[in-house]
C-alpha atoms as a PDB file:
ATOM      1  CA  MET A   1      29.975  53.841 154.708  1.00  0.00           C
ATOM      2  CA  ASP A   2      33.147  52.826 152.853  1.00  0.00           C
ATOM      3  CA  LEU A   3      35.884  51.875 155.351  1.00  0.00           C
ATOM      4  CA  THR A   4      38.203  50.165 152.863  1.00  0.00           C
ATOM      5  CA  ALA A   5      40.931  52.825 153.081  1.00  0.00           C
ATOM      6  CA  PHE A   6      40.857  52.783 156.886  1.00  0.00           C
ATOM      7  CA  PHE A   7      41.347  49.019 157.155  1.00  0.00           C
ATOM      8  CA  GLN A   8      43.972  48.968 154.409  1.00  0.00           C
ATOM      9  CA  ALA A   9      45.903  51.591 156.383  1.00  0.00           C
ATOM     10  CA  LEU A  10      45.441  49.475 159.519  1.00  0.00           C
ATOM     11  CA  THR A  11      46.923  46.408 157.830  1.00  0.00           C
ATOM     12  CA  SER A  12      49.926  48.450 156.708  1.00  0.00           C
ATOM     13  CA  ILE A  13      50.546  49.585 160.303  1.00  0.00           C
ATOM     14  CA  PHE A  14      50.017  46.081 161.713  1.00  0.00           C
ATOM     15  CA  PRO A  15      51.441  43.636 159.140  1.00  0.00           C
ATOM     16  CA  PHE A  16      50.228  40.564 161.073  1.00  0.00           C
ATOM     17  CA  LEU A  17      46.641  41.436 160.108  1.00  0.00           C
ATOM     18  CA  PRO A  18      45.279  39.807 156.922  1.00  0.00           C
ATOM     19  CA  LYS A  19      45.322  42.047 153.868  1.00  0.00           C
ATOM     20  CA  ILE A  20      42.091  43.690 152.754  1.00  0.00           C
ATOM     21  CA  TYR A  21      41.379  42.920 149.096  1.00  0.00           C
ATOM     22  CA  ASN A  22      37.619  43.412 148.893  1.00  0.00           C
ATOM     23  CA  PRO A  23      35.754  46.674 149.618  1.00  0.00           C
ATOM     24  CA  VAL A  24      34.723  47.096 153.255  1.00  0.00           C
ATOM     25  CA  VAL A  25      31.320  48.749 153.145  1.00  0.00           C
ATOM     26  CA  ILE A  26      29.138  48.860 156.251  1.00  0.00           C
ATOM     27  CA  ASP A  27      25.647  50.230 155.753  1.00  0.00           C
ATOM     28  CA  TYR A  28      23.913  52.439 158.283  1.00  0.00           C
ATOM     29  CA  PRO A  29      21.177  49.896 159.185  1.00  0.00           C
ATOM     30  CA  THR A  30      23.943  47.465 160.236  1.00  0.00           C
ATOM     31  CA  LEU A  31      25.612  50.159 162.347  1.00  0.00           C
ATOM     32  CA  ILE A  32      22.292  51.039 163.988  1.00  0.00           C
ATOM     33  CA  ASN A  33      21.602  47.346 164.488  1.00  0.00           C
ATOM     34  CA  VAL A  34      24.883  46.616 166.288  1.00  0.00           C
ATOM     35  CA  PHE A  35      24.674  49.875 168.265  1.00  0.00           C
ATOM     36  CA  SER A  36      21.171  48.883 169.434  1.00  0.00           C
ATOM     37  CA  TRP A  37      22.480  45.514 170.643  1.00  0.00           C
ATOM     38  CA  LEU A  38      25.221  47.410 172.507  1.00  0.00           C
ATOM     39  CA  VAL A  39      22.686  49.724 174.192  1.00  0.00           C
ATOM     40  CA  ALA A  40      20.490  46.784 175.222  1.00  0.00           C
ATOM     41  CA  ALA A  41      23.506  44.804 176.460  1.00  0.00           C
ATOM     42  CA  SER A  42      24.843  47.752 178.479  1.00  0.00           C
ATOM     43  CA  ILE A  43      21.532  48.511 180.203  1.00  0.00           C
ATOM     44  CA  SER A  44      20.697  44.870 180.935  1.00  0.00           C
ATOM     45  CA  PHE A  45      24.214  44.298 182.265  1.00  0.00           C
ATOM     46  CA  TYR A  46      23.789  47.391 184.449  1.00  0.00           C
ATOM     47  CA  PHE A  47      20.590  45.899 185.842  1.00  0.00           C
ATOM     48  CA  SER A  48      22.454  42.690 186.666  1.00  0.00           C
ATOM     49  CA  LEU A  49      25.118  44.614 188.592  1.00  0.00           C
ATOM     50  CA  ASN A  50      22.697  46.731 190.591  1.00  0.00           C
ATOM     51  CA  ASN A  51      19.896  44.263 191.118  1.00  0.00           C
ATOM     52  CA  SER A  52      19.285  40.780 192.422  1.00  0.00           C
ATOM     53  CA  ARG A  53      20.332  37.541 190.763  1.00  0.00           C
ATOM     54  CA  ILE A  54      17.145  37.435 188.660  1.00  0.00           C
ATOM     55  CA  TRP A  55      18.642  39.935 186.186  1.00  0.00           C
ATOM     56  CA  THR A  56      22.083  38.283 186.047  1.00  0.00           C
ATOM     57  CA  SER A  57      21.324  35.637 183.422  1.00  0.00           C
ATOM     58  CA  ILE A  58      19.334  38.109 181.307  1.00  0.00           C
ATOM     59  CA  GLY A  59      22.118  40.721 181.494  1.00  0.00           C
ATOM     60  CA  ILE A  60      24.887  38.265 180.606  1.00  0.00           C
ATOM     61  CA  GLY A  61      22.785  36.762 177.825  1.00  0.00           C
ATOM     62  CA  PHE A  62      22.153  40.084 176.095  1.00  0.00           C
ATOM     63  CA  PHE A  63      25.822  41.036 176.462  1.00  0.00           C
ATOM     64  CA  LEU A  64      26.774  37.768 174.716  1.00  0.00           C
ATOM     65  CA  LEU A  65      24.166  38.531 172.068  1.00  0.00           C
ATOM     66  CA  PHE A  66      25.850  41.863 171.338  1.00  0.00           C
ATOM     67  CA  TRP A  67      29.186  40.027 171.144  1.00  0.00           C
ATOM     68  CA  SER A  68      27.786  37.540 168.633  1.00  0.00           C
ATOM     69  CA  GLN A  69      26.202  40.258 166.481  1.00  0.00           C
ATOM     70  CA  SER A  70      29.244  42.538 166.476  1.00  0.00           C
ATOM     71  CA  PHE A  71      31.014  40.273 163.948  1.00  0.00           C
ATOM     72  CA  GLN A  72      29.053  42.143 161.250  1.00  0.00           C
ATOM     73  CA  LEU A  73      31.494  45.033 161.752  1.00  0.00           C
ATOM     74  CA  ASN A  74      34.574  42.799 161.489  1.00  0.00           C
ATOM     75  CA  PRO A  75      36.026  42.967 157.950  1.00  0.00           C
ATOM     76  CA  TRP A  76      38.030  39.783 158.557  1.00  0.00           C
ATOM     77  CA  HIS A  77      35.182  37.590 159.774  1.00  0.00           C
ATOM     78  CA  GLU A  78      34.952  35.786 156.432  1.00  0.00           C
ATOM     79  CA  THR A  79      38.709  35.113 156.515  1.00  0.00           C
ATOM     80  CA  PHE A  80      38.649  33.278 159.847  1.00  0.00           C
ATOM     81  CA  THR A  81      36.022  30.552 159.598  1.00  0.00           C
ATOM     82  CA  VAL A  82      36.704  29.485 163.190  1.00  0.00           C
ATOM     83  CA  MET A  83      35.717  33.012 164.278  1.00  0.00           C
ATOM     84  CA  ILE A  84      32.384  32.736 162.437  1.00  0.00           C
ATOM     85  CA  ALA A  85      31.641  29.404 164.132  1.00  0.00           C
ATOM     86  CA  ILE A  86      32.460  30.910 167.530  1.00  0.00           C
ATOM     87  CA  HIS A  87      30.174  33.897 166.904  1.00  0.00           C
ATOM     88  CA  TYR A  88      27.252  31.617 165.952  1.00  0.00           C
ATOM     89  CA  THR A  89      27.904  29.478 169.037  1.00  0.00           C
ATOM     90  CA  ILE A  90      28.027  32.512 171.324  1.00  0.00           C
ATOM     91  CA  GLY A  91      24.697  33.676 169.870  1.00  0.00           C
ATOM     92  CA  THR A  92      23.217  30.265 170.650  1.00  0.00           C
ATOM     93  CA  ILE A  93      24.570  30.290 174.205  1.00  0.00           C
ATOM     94  CA  ALA A  94      23.181  33.829 174.603  1.00  0.00           C
ATOM     95  CA  ILE A  95      19.558  32.826 173.939  1.00  0.00           C
ATOM     96  CA  LEU A  96      19.905  29.802 176.238  1.00  0.00           C
ATOM     97  CA  ILE A  97      21.101  32.020 179.103  1.00  0.00           C
ATOM     98  CA  ILE A  98      18.467  34.703 178.384  1.00  0.00           C
ATOM     99  CA  SER A  99      15.751  32.047 178.442  1.00  0.00           C
ATOM    100  CA  HIS A 100      17.095  30.714 181.736  1.00  0.00           C
ATOM    101  CA  GLY A 101      16.931  34.239 183.175  1.00  0.00           C
ATOM    102  CA  ILE A 102      13.358  34.805 181.999  1.00  0.00           C
ATOM    103  CA  GLN A 103      12.264  31.514 183.588  1.00  0.00           C
ATOM    104  CA  GLU A 104      14.022  32.527 186.809  1.00  0.00           C
ATOM    105  CA  TYR A 105      12.170  35.847 186.697  1.00  0.00           C
ATOM    106  CA  TYR A 106       8.861  34.005 186.272  1.00  0.00           C
ATOM    107  CA  LEU A 107       9.601  31.832 189.308  1.00  0.00           C
ATOM    108  CA  PHE A 108      10.480  34.958 191.278  1.00  0.00           C
ATOM    109  CA  THR A 109       7.158  36.630 190.420  1.00  0.00           C
ATOM    110  CA  ARG A 110       5.323  33.580 191.777  1.00  0.00           C
ATOM    111  CA  THR A 111       7.403  32.814 194.867  1.00  0.00           C
ATOM    112  CA  LEU A 112       9.352  36.058 195.576  1.00  0.00           C
ATOM    113  CA  GLU A 113      12.329  33.795 196.322  1.00  0.00           C
ATOM    114  CA  ILE A 114      15.782  34.015 194.740  1.00  0.00           C
ATOM    115  CA  ALA A 115      18.048  30.980 194.984  1.00  0.00           C
ATOM    116  CA  GLY A 116      21.754  30.724 194.251  1.00  0.00           C
ATOM    117  CA  SER A 117      24.376  33.396 193.694  1.00  0.00           C
ATOM    118  CA  LYS A 118      25.516  35.612 190.862  1.00  0.00           C
ATOM    119  CA  LYS A 119      28.950  34.004 191.012  1.00  0.00           C
ATOM    120  CA  THR A 120      27.431  30.687 189.934  1.00  0.00           C
ATOM    121  CA  ILE A 121      25.970  32.280 186.792  1.00  0.00           C
ATOM    122  CA  TYR A 122      29.226  34.065 185.913  1.00  0.00           C
ATOM    123  CA  ILE A 123      31.402  30.986 186.422  1.00  0.00           C
ATOM    124  CA  GLY A 124      28.913  28.712 184.665  1.00  0.00           C
ATOM    125  CA  THR A 125      28.737  31.030 181.640  1.00  0.00           C
ATOM    126  CA  LEU A 126      32.530  31.294 181.399  1.00  0.00           C
ATOM    127  CA  LEU A 127      32.833  27.515 181.642  1.00  0.00           C
ATOM    128  CA  ILE A 128      30.272  26.965 178.871  1.00  0.00           C
ATOM    129  CA  LEU A 129      32.016  29.527 176.647  1.00  0.00           C
ATOM    130  CA  PHE A 130      35.426  27.973 177.303  1.00  0.00           C
ATOM    131  CA  ILE A 131      34.191  24.470 176.459  1.00  0.00           C
ATOM    132  CA  ALA A 132      32.403  25.669 173.305  1.00  0.00           C
ATOM    133  CA  ILE A 133      35.436  27.599 172.019  1.00  0.00           C
ATOM    134  CA  LEU A 134      37.724  24.685 172.918  1.00  0.00           C
ATOM    135  CA  VAL A 135      35.572  22.193 171.000  1.00  0.00           C
ATOM    136  CA  ILE A 136      35.541  24.446 167.922  1.00  0.00           C
ATOM    137  CA  SER A 137      39.285  25.093 168.165  1.00  0.00           C
ATOM    138  CA  ILE A 138      40.440  21.464 168.460  1.00  0.00           C
ATOM    139  CA  ASN A 139      38.284  20.296 165.567  1.00  0.00           C
ATOM    140  CA  PRO A 140      39.112  20.758 161.871  1.00  0.00           C
ATOM    141  CA  LYS A 141      38.755  24.193 160.310  1.00  0.00           C
ATOM    142  CA  PRO A 142      35.015  24.619 159.616  1.00  0.00           C
ATOM    143  CA  SER A 143      34.055  24.161 155.994  1.00  0.00           C
ATOM    144  CA  LEU A 144      31.191  26.016 154.319  1.00  0.00           C
ATOM    145  CA  TYR A 145      28.951  23.048 155.139  1.00  0.00           C
ATOM    146  CA  VAL A 146      29.947  23.137 158.817  1.00  0.00           C
ATOM    147  CA  LEU A 147      29.480  26.906 159.087  1.00  0.00           C
ATOM    148  CA  ARG A 148      26.006  26.555 157.605  1.00  0.00           C
ATOM    149  CA  ASN A 149      25.242  23.880 160.212  1.00  0.00           C
ATOM    150  CA  TYR A 150      26.365  26.225 162.998  1.00  0.00           C
ATOM    151  CA  ARG A 151      24.100  28.955 161.653  1.00  0.00           C
ATOM    152  CA  PHE A 152      21.199  26.538 161.233  1.00  0.00           C
ATOM    153  CA  MET A 153      21.643  25.319 164.828  1.00  0.00           C
ATOM    154  CA  ASN A 154      21.628  28.926 166.038  1.00  0.00           C
ATOM    155  CA  THR A 155      18.512  29.798 164.019  1.00  0.00           C
ATOM    156  CA  VAL A 156      16.476  26.765 165.123  1.00  0.00           C
ATOM    157  CA  ILE A 157      17.310  27.159 168.818  1.00  0.00           C
ATOM    158  CA  TRP A 158      16.493  30.875 168.681  1.00  0.00           C
ATOM    159  CA  PHE A 159      13.172  30.166 166.960  1.00  0.00           C
ATOM    160  CA  PHE A 160      11.882  27.634 169.477  1.00  0.00           C
ATOM    161  CA  LEU A 161      13.216  29.443 172.555  1.00  0.00           C
ATOM    162  CA  SER A 162      11.572  32.660 171.333  1.00  0.00           C
ATOM    163  CA  ILE A 163       8.241  30.811 171.453  1.00  0.00           C
ATOM    164  CA  LEU A 164       9.040  29.602 174.977  1.00  0.00           C
ATOM    165  CA  ASN A 165      10.077  33.082 176.085  1.00  0.00           C
ATOM    166  CA  ILE A 166       6.870  34.632 174.729  1.00  0.00           C
ATOM    167  CA  TYR A 167       4.933  32.063 176.779  1.00  0.00           C
ATOM    168  CA  TYR A 168       6.848  32.856 179.981  1.00  0.00           C
ATOM    169  CA  ILE A 169       6.650  36.615 179.434  1.00  0.00           C
ATOM    170  CA  ALA A 170       2.863  36.251 179.091  1.00  0.00           C
ATOM    171  CA  LYS A 171       2.894  34.366 182.413  1.00  0.00           C
ATOM    172  CA  ILE A 172       5.036  37.100 184.000  1.00  0.00           C
ATOM    173  CA  TYR A 173       2.572  39.715 182.706  1.00  0.00           C
ATOM    174  CA  MET A 174      -0.313  37.878 184.386  1.00  0.00           C
ATOM    175  CA  GLU A 175       1.579  37.897 187.691  1.00  0.00           C
ATOM    176  CA  MET A 176       2.648  41.570 187.422  1.00  0.00           C
ATOM    177  CA  ARG A 177      -0.418  43.282 185.963  1.00  0.00           C
ATOM    178  CA  ASP A 178      -0.414  45.809 188.812  1.00  0.00           C
ATOM    179  CA  SER A 179       3.337  46.501 188.647  1.00  0.00           C
ATOM    180  CA  PRO A 180       4.623  49.881 187.404  1.00  0.00           C
ATOM    181  CA  ILE A 181       6.941  48.065 184.971  1.00  0.00           C
ATOM    182  CA  VAL A 182       4.220  45.965 183.357  1.00  0.00           C
ATOM    183  CA  ASN A 183       4.376  47.992 180.118  1.00  0.00           C
ATOM    184  CA  GLY A 184       8.084  47.187 179.911  1.00  0.00           C
ATOM    185  CA  ILE A 185       7.236  43.483 180.226  1.00  0.00           C
ATOM    186  CA  ILE A 186       4.769  43.825 177.329  1.00  0.00           C
ATOM    187  CA  CYS A 187       7.475  45.519 175.236  1.00  0.00           C
ATOM    188  CA  LEU A 188       9.871  42.656 175.972  1.00  0.00           C
ATOM    189  CA  GLY A 189       7.232  40.207 174.760  1.00  0.00           C
ATOM    190  CA  ILE A 190       6.922  42.201 171.513  1.00  0.00           C
ATOM    191  CA  VAL A 191      10.716  41.998 171.099  1.00  0.00           C
ATOM    192  CA  PHE A 192      10.546  38.203 171.151  1.00  0.00           C
ATOM    193  CA  ILE A 193       7.661  38.219 168.682  1.00  0.00           C
ATOM    194  CA  PHE A 194       9.926  40.199 166.354  1.00  0.00           C
ATOM    195  CA  ALA A 195      12.741  37.718 167.039  1.00  0.00           C
ATOM    196  CA  LEU A 196      10.382  34.840 166.233  1.00  0.00           C
ATOM    197  CA  VAL A 197       9.651  36.290 162.785  1.00  0.00           C
ATOM    198  CA  TRP A 198      13.340  37.149 162.262  1.00  0.00           C
ATOM    199  CA  LYS A 199      14.579  33.649 162.997  1.00  0.00           C
ATOM    200  CA  GLY A 200      11.502  31.900 161.590  1.00  0.00           C
ATOM    201  CA  SER A 201      11.878  33.468 158.157  1.00  0.00           C
ATOM    202  CA  ALA A 202      15.609  32.659 158.149  1.00  0.00           C
ATOM    203  CA  MET A 203      14.896  29.070 159.191  1.00  0.00           C
ATOM    204  CA  TYR A 204      12.298  28.691 156.406  1.00  0.00           C
ATOM    205  CA  VAL A 205      14.824  29.709 153.739  1.00  0.00           C
ATOM    206  CA  MET A 206      17.482  27.390 155.180  1.00  0.00           C
ATOM    207  CA  LEU A 207      15.109  24.420 155.420  1.00  0.00           C
ATOM    208  CA  TYR A 208      14.442  24.568 151.688  1.00  0.00           C
ATOM    209  CA  GLN A 209      18.128  25.261 150.904  1.00  0.00           C
ATOM    210  CA  TRP A 210      17.427  28.670 149.397  1.00  0.00           C
ATOM    211  CA  ASP A 211      19.806  30.563 151.683  1.00  0.00           C
ATOM    212  CA  LYS A 212      22.940  32.301 150.410  1.00  0.00           C
ATOM    213  CA  ALA A 213      25.241  29.923 152.270  1.00  0.00           C
ATOM    214  CA  TRP A 214      23.794  26.931 150.419  1.00  0.00           C
ATOM    215  CA  LEU A 215      23.894  28.719 147.067  1.00  0.00           C
ATOM    216  CA  ASP A 216      27.580  29.509 147.684  1.00  0.00           C
ATOM    217  CA  ILE A 217      28.237  25.828 148.424  1.00  0.00           C
ATOM    218  CA  ILE A 218      26.581  24.479 145.279  1.00  0.00           C
ATOM    219  CA  GLU A 219      28.663  26.811 143.128  1.00  0.00           C
ATOM    220  CA  PHE A 220      31.581  24.477 143.920  1.00  0.00           C
ATOM    221  CA  THR A 221      29.675  21.165 143.944  1.00  0.00           C
ATOM    222  CA  GLU A 222      27.764  21.928 140.726  1.00  0.00           C
ATOM    223  CA  GLU A 223      24.500  20.846 142.351  1.00  0.00           C
ATOM    224  CA  THR A 224      21.270  22.427 141.211  1.00  0.00           C
ATOM    225  CA  SER A 225      18.683  24.452 143.090  1.00  0.00           C
ATOM    226  CA  ASP A 226      14.986  25.110 142.503  1.00  0.00           C
ATOM    227  CA  ILE A 227      15.278  28.654 143.882  1.00  0.00           C
ATOM    228  CA  GLN A 228      14.370  30.206 140.512  1.00  0.00           C
ATOM    229  CA  MET A 229      10.914  28.616 140.808  1.00  0.00           C
ATOM    230  CA  HIS A 230      10.328  30.245 144.201  1.00  0.00           C
ATOM    231  CA  LEU A 231      12.036  33.623 143.931  1.00  0.00           C
ATOM    232  CA  ALA A 232       9.041  35.571 145.241  1.00  0.00           C
ATOM    233  CA  LYS A 233       8.894  33.437 148.401  1.00  0.00           C
ATOM    234  CA  VAL A 234      12.639  33.683 148.943  1.00  0.00           C
ATOM    235  CA  GLN A 235      12.704  37.440 148.463  1.00  0.00           C
ATOM    236  CA  PHE A 236       9.768  37.891 150.836  1.00  0.00           C
ATOM    237  CA  ALA A 237      11.366  35.675 153.495  1.00  0.00           C
ATOM    238  CA  ASN A 238      14.734  37.434 153.154  1.00  0.00           C
ATOM    239  CA  SER A 239      13.059  40.833 153.445  1.00  0.00           C
ATOM    240  CA  LEU A 240      11.310  39.653 156.629  1.00  0.00           C
ATOM    241  CA  THR A 241      14.635  38.436 158.031  1.00  0.00           C
ATOM    242  CA  LYS A 242      16.343  41.787 157.435  1.00  0.00           C
ATOM    243  CA  MET A 243      13.386  43.873 158.607  1.00  0.00           C
ATOM    244  CA  PHE A 244      12.725  41.935 161.815  1.00  0.00           C
ATOM    245  CA  ASN A 245      16.406  41.594 162.655  1.00  0.00           C
ATOM    246  CA  PHE A 246      16.506  45.404 162.645  1.00  0.00           C
ATOM    247  CA  LEU A 247      13.204  45.705 164.536  1.00  0.00           C
ATOM    248  CA  THR A 248      14.347  43.197 167.168  1.00  0.00           C
ATOM    249  CA  SER A 249      17.540  45.082 167.971  1.00  0.00           C
ATOM    250  CA  VAL A 250      15.984  48.578 167.927  1.00  0.00           C
ATOM    251  CA  SER A 251      12.895  47.559 169.940  1.00  0.00           C
ATOM    252  CA  LEU A 252      15.106  45.752 172.469  1.00  0.00           C
ATOM    253  CA  ALA A 253      17.244  48.861 172.991  1.00  0.00           C
ATOM    254  CA  GLY A 254      14.053  50.914 173.364  1.00  0.00           C
ATOM    255  CA  THR A 255      12.561  48.399 175.808  1.00  0.00           C
ATOM    256  CA  PHE A 256      15.588  48.411 178.083  1.00  0.00           C
ATOM    257  CA  GLY A 257      15.805  52.192 177.865  1.00  0.00           C
ATOM    258  CA  TYR A 258      12.156  52.334 178.954  1.00  0.00           C
ATOM    259  CA  LEU A 259      12.735  49.846 181.792  1.00  0.00           C
ATOM    260  CA  PHE A 260      15.771  51.847 182.904  1.00  0.00           C
ATOM    261  CA  LYS A 261      13.592  54.955 183.151  1.00  0.00           C
ATOM    262  CA  LEU A 262      10.901  53.074 185.094  1.00  0.00           C
ATOM    263  CA  LEU A 263      13.322  51.481 187.542  1.00  0.00           C
ATOM    264  CA  ARG A 264      15.277  54.644 188.364  1.00  0.00           C
END
């Protein structure tokens, strides 16, 4: 979908917006991807509003995840490097809060006790976001190296917390085998398996400096890369990243839609 004319018209109406010089083309998989994150975020946030505290962290986390992924639809995201760093940081905070919520849910299935209040989660999340954005804002404008570090941090944390979440979801399944929502729990575990492959394949490419961000950097530094010797591996890993990114978002939206039906 070519939106170049639309955004060029927008910049003419609002002159304070940066000019659009490159084509703005958003493919349908990206639109479906972001829409799926929105569906999952909306349903999980609904659960957090109409349920006990155990859904609060999960709901907020998936809403932040949608926020971090929505930058794909922003034609100016490459212009504002600070914005890219903030999006990566929000995505990292999202998985931390989601993981906290899943662990809380596991404790609830074992003890049937809920400690604390929703207000604590809301205020704590806002405080973490404020500090993160403040730290990024008061530091120098992120270079290509720094942006790659932010993305690498996000990818590594997602990878290892996905493993932890799969473990806890398996524990939750063992505690809730007789529950009517047990199939929804299984689906959520599958989502994190998809996320593990998504982030794992991206991390593999970044570890060996075969990712696009690194290749863009060495165009200016005149460094060399051995990527030509491993093109098949790189292409396979990149295809896994794209495929499982899409599968993660779509399966998550489907999982929460299924849970919504079960919990009505």
